[in-house]
Amino acid sequence: MTIPFKIFKSSIFFLLLSFIAVSGFSQSETSTWKAQFAVGINSPSQSAFVSTFEAKPINFPTVHLGLQRMFSRNLGAKLDFGYNRLSNASNSPEFKVNYSRVNVQAVYDLGGLIRLPQNYAIMAHAGPGFTFVKPLGDYTDNKESFLNAMAGLEFHYGISQSLSLFLDTSYIYAFSGDYDNSSDGFGTFNGNLLTATIGISISLSGCYYCE
């Protein structure tokens, strides 16, 4: 059993367990604090690989973990961590890359700007962060780290006041320079990343916004 498949199984189990655990609290208020968990796919910028190296256009897994705090009905912030696995295309030398990031982002509920049906919400998020890239296999010395900026949209469907399912699409822009030598780029990645995930947002405490 491969590691990505194990992660996928664990992610699905976590989603189901969380749904069962939280659905019983449907009468509680939506909280100021939320925990988020999502899993999905990623697509790297091919221009960030050196000559002859190429990644699959779609890679699995992508995992996002976040803690969100709303300061008002529409405005909040979150701290989130992301893990992504990239691997080689069929016509490329073999390689695998672990791409991890940490971001602090502002969060804005677009419900005040866009009229939506009940139980639906759209959340915009954006903010700076830091990326860590660790190649595996033969290229472990070619590690990369750089600043990033991330922005995206979350489309939520409320199951209860305590739980929502959401689809997130995000773009992570890399503030990185060119490789000093071509060999420094063998089997590694220092470019932009597009992600698409599906996940759950779980209320933790307090009310969404009290006046």
Protein backbone atom coordinates (compact mmCIF):
# COMPACT_ATOMS: atom_id res chain seq x y z
CA MET A 1 0.00 0.00 0.00
CA THR A 2 1.51 3.34 -1.07
CA ILE A 3 1.86 6.30 1.32
CA PRO A 4 -0.53 8.56 -0.72
CA PHE A 5 -3.21 5.86 -0.62
CA LYS A 6 -2.77 5.51 3.16
CA ILE A 7 -3.17 9.28 3.51
CA PHE A 8 -6.30 9.15 1.35
CA LYS A 9 -7.86 6.38 3.46
CA SER A 10 -7.02 8.22 6.69
CA SER A 11 -8.49 11.44 5.29
CA ILE A 12 -11.78 9.81 4.33
CA PHE A 13 -12.01 8.14 7.73
CA PHE A 14 -11.40 11.48 9.44
CA LEU A 15 -14.11 13.19 7.36
CA LEU A 16 -16.68 10.52 8.22
CA LEU A 17 -15.75 10.43 11.91
CA SER A 18 -15.94 14.21 12.19
CA PHE A 19 -19.34 14.28 10.50
CA ILE A 20 -20.72 11.71 12.93
CA ALA A 21 -19.21 13.43 15.96
CA VAL A 22 -20.36 16.94 15.08
CA SER A 23 -23.78 16.28 13.55
CA GLY A 24 -25.23 15.69 17.00
CA PHE A 25 -24.57 19.33 17.92
CA SER A 26 -26.65 20.85 15.14
CA GLN A 27 -28.53 23.12 17.58
CA SER A 28 -25.39 24.90 18.82
CA GLU A 29 -24.36 28.29 17.45
CA THR A 30 -21.86 28.55 14.65
CA SER A 31 -18.58 29.31 16.35
CA THR A 32 -16.09 32.13 16.21
CA TRP A 33 -13.34 29.51 16.06
CA LYS A 34 -13.29 26.86 13.35
CA ALA A 35 -11.01 23.95 12.52
CA GLN A 36 -10.66 22.97 8.87
CA PHE A 37 -9.44 19.82 7.18
CA ALA A 38 -9.34 19.24 3.42
CA VAL A 39 -7.80 16.80 0.97
CA GLY A 40 -7.44 16.98 -2.80
CA ILE A 41 -5.09 17.46 -5.75
CA ASN A 42 -2.47 19.92 -6.98
CA SER A 43 -1.06 21.15 -10.29
CA PRO A 44 2.49 22.62 -10.34
CA SER A 45 3.90 25.22 -12.73
CA GLN A 46 6.02 23.25 -15.20
CA SER A 47 8.36 26.20 -15.78
CA ALA A 48 9.73 25.71 -12.25
CA PHE A 49 11.48 22.47 -13.22
CA VAL A 50 14.88 22.37 -14.92
CA SER A 51 15.30 20.91 -18.41
CA THR A 52 14.29 17.23 -18.85
CA PHE A 53 12.41 17.21 -15.52
CA GLU A 54 8.63 17.40 -15.65
CA ALA A 55 5.90 16.69 -13.11
CA LYS A 56 2.49 15.13 -13.63
CA PRO A 57 -0.05 17.87 -14.42
CA ILE A 58 -2.30 16.54 -11.63
CA ASN A 59 -0.81 15.18 -8.41
CA PHE A 60 -2.22 13.56 -5.26
CA PRO A 61 -2.35 14.13 -2.35
CA THR A 62 -2.84 17.68 -1.20
CA VAL A 63 -3.78 18.10 2.47
CA HIS A 64 -4.77 21.37 4.18
CA LEU A 65 -5.18 21.89 7.94
CA GLY A 66 -6.35 25.23 9.32
CA LEU A 67 -7.53 27.12 12.39
CA GLN A 68 -9.82 30.08 11.66
CA ARG A 69 -10.97 32.99 13.85
CA MET A 70 -13.76 35.37 12.81
CA PHE A 71 -13.51 38.90 14.27
CA SER A 72 -16.82 40.10 12.82
CA ARG A 73 -19.64 38.69 10.74
CA ASN A 74 -17.56 38.99 7.56
CA LEU A 75 -13.90 39.40 8.48
CA GLY A 76 -11.48 36.96 10.07
CA ALA A 77 -8.08 35.32 9.84
CA LYS A 78 -6.65 31.83 9.76
CA LEU A 79 -3.39 29.99 10.24
CA ASP A 80 -3.08 27.00 7.96
CA PHE A 81 -0.65 24.29 6.92
CA GLY A 82 -0.50 22.57 3.55
CA TYR A 83 1.20 19.39 2.36
CA ASN A 84 1.54 18.44 -1.31
CA ARG A 85 3.23 15.56 -3.09
CA LEU A 86 4.59 16.04 -6.63
CA SER A 87 5.92 13.23 -8.81
CA ASN A 88 7.46 12.85 -12.24
CA ALA A 89 5.64 12.57 -15.54
CA SER A 90 6.19 9.44 -17.63
CA ASN A 91 8.71 11.14 -19.97
CA SER A 92 10.79 12.62 -17.11
CA PRO A 93 13.58 11.27 -14.91
CA GLU A 94 12.08 9.71 -11.80
CA PHE A 95 11.60 12.02 -8.79
CA LYS A 96 9.22 12.83 -5.95
CA VAL A 97 8.89 16.10 -4.04
CA ASN A 98 7.26 16.96 -0.73
CA TYR A 99 5.95 20.54 -0.87
CA SER A 100 4.89 21.95 2.52
CA ARG A 101 3.77 25.46 3.44
CA VAL A 102 2.55 27.56 6.36
CA ASN A 103 0.39 30.65 5.74
CA VAL A 104 -1.33 33.39 7.73
CA GLN A 105 -4.36 34.59 5.77
CA ALA A 106 -7.15 37.12 6.00
CA VAL A 107 -10.61 35.62 5.51
CA TYR A 108 -13.66 37.45 4.13
CA ASP A 109 -17.22 36.16 3.90
CA LEU A 110 -18.61 37.32 0.55
CA GLY A 111 -22.19 36.87 1.75
CA GLY A 112 -22.48 40.61 2.24
CA LEU A 113 -21.65 41.19 -1.44
CA ILE A 114 -23.23 38.18 -3.14
CA ARG A 115 -26.77 37.00 -2.41
CA LEU A 116 -26.68 33.25 -1.79
CA PRO A 117 -29.26 30.59 -0.91
CA GLN A 118 -29.59 29.60 2.74
CA ASN A 119 -26.86 27.22 3.97
CA TYR A 120 -24.42 28.37 1.28
CA ALA A 121 -21.40 30.66 1.74
CA ILE A 122 -18.39 31.81 -0.23
CA MET A 123 -15.21 32.70 1.66
CA ALA A 124 -12.24 34.50 0.12
CA HIS A 125 -8.83 34.08 1.72
CA ALA A 126 -5.37 35.49 1.03
CA GLY A 127 -2.08 36.02 2.82
CA PRO A 128 1.69 35.47 3.01
CA GLY A 129 3.51 32.34 4.01
CA PHE A 130 6.63 30.23 3.78
CA THR A 131 7.27 27.15 1.66
CA PHE A 132 9.54 24.16 2.31
CA VAL A 133 10.39 21.83 -0.58
CA LYS A 134 12.07 18.51 0.12
CA PRO A 135 13.01 16.21 -2.80
CA LEU A 136 13.05 12.47 -2.16
CA GLY A 137 15.15 9.68 -3.61
CA ASP A 138 18.35 10.68 -5.44
CA TYR A 139 17.95 14.46 -5.04
CA THR A 140 17.53 14.97 -1.28
CA ASP A 141 20.28 17.62 -1.17
CA ASN A 142 18.36 19.95 -3.50
CA LYS A 143 16.06 21.36 -0.81
CA GLU A 144 14.33 24.69 -1.38
CA SER A 145 12.64 27.21 0.91
CA PHE A 146 11.08 30.55 -0.03
CA LEU A 147 8.32 33.03 0.76
CA ASN A 148 4.92 32.62 -0.87
CA ALA A 149 1.60 34.41 -1.24
CA MET A 150 -1.61 32.39 -1.30
CA ALA A 151 -5.14 33.32 -2.39
CA GLY A 152 -8.27 31.31 -2.93
CA LEU A 153 -12.03 30.80 -2.62
CA GLU A 154 -13.98 28.38 -0.45
CA PHE A 155 -17.52 27.33 -1.41
CA HIS A 156 -19.36 26.14 1.72
CA TYR A 157 -22.54 24.14 2.24
CA GLY A 158 -23.80 24.11 5.83
CA ILE A 159 -24.80 20.69 7.13
CA SER A 160 -25.58 22.18 10.54
CA GLN A 161 -24.62 25.24 12.57
CA SER A 162 -21.52 23.35 13.65
CA LEU A 163 -20.41 21.70 10.42
CA SER A 164 -20.01 22.65 6.77
CA LEU A 165 -18.59 20.92 3.75
CA PHE A 166 -16.51 23.06 1.42
CA LEU A 167 -14.67 23.05 -1.89
CA ASP A 168 -11.51 25.17 -1.98
CA THR A 169 -9.47 26.28 -4.95
CA SER A 170 -6.24 28.16 -4.23
CA TYR A 171 -3.19 29.52 -6.01
CA ILE A 172 0.19 29.71 -4.27
CA TYR A 173 2.68 32.13 -5.77
CA ALA A 174 6.37 31.49 -5.12
CA PHE A 175 8.84 34.29 -4.37
CA SER A 176 11.89 32.31 -5.44
CA GLY A 177 14.91 32.96 -7.63
CA ASP A 178 16.63 30.95 -10.34
CA TYR A 179 18.83 28.00 -9.46
CA ASP A 180 22.53 28.91 -9.13
CA ASN A 181 23.44 25.82 -11.16
CA SER A 182 21.27 23.60 -13.32
CA SER A 183 22.11 20.61 -11.12
CA ASP A 184 20.65 22.45 -8.10
CA GLY A 185 17.26 22.08 -9.74
CA PHE A 186 17.41 18.33 -10.40
CA GLY A 187 14.39 16.66 -8.84
CA THR A 188 13.14 19.75 -7.00
CA PHE A 189 10.59 22.54 -7.48
CA ASN A 190 10.54 26.29 -6.74
CA GLY A 191 7.43 27.50 -8.56
CA ASN A 192 3.73 28.26 -8.28
CA LEU A 193 1.12 25.71 -7.30
CA LEU A 194 -2.62 25.41 -7.95
CA THR A 195 -4.64 23.29 -5.52
CA ALA A 196 -8.22 21.99 -5.38
CA THR A 197 -9.52 20.32 -2.22
CA ILE A 198 -12.73 19.20 -0.56
CA GLY A 199 -13.05 19.31 3.20
CA ILE A 200 -14.95 20.03 6.39
CA SER A 201 -15.11 23.11 8.61
CA ILE A 202 -15.92 22.34 12.26
CA SER A 203 -17.12 24.84 14.85
CA LEU A 204 -15.11 24.78 18.07
CA SER A 205 -16.49 27.34 20.55
CA GLY A 206 -18.56 30.45 21.07
CA CYS A 207 -20.88 32.16 18.63
CA TYR A 208 -20.05 33.21 15.11
CA TYR A 209 -20.46 36.91 15.94
CA CYS A 210 -22.15 38.38 19.01
CA GLU A 211 -23.17 42.01 19.45
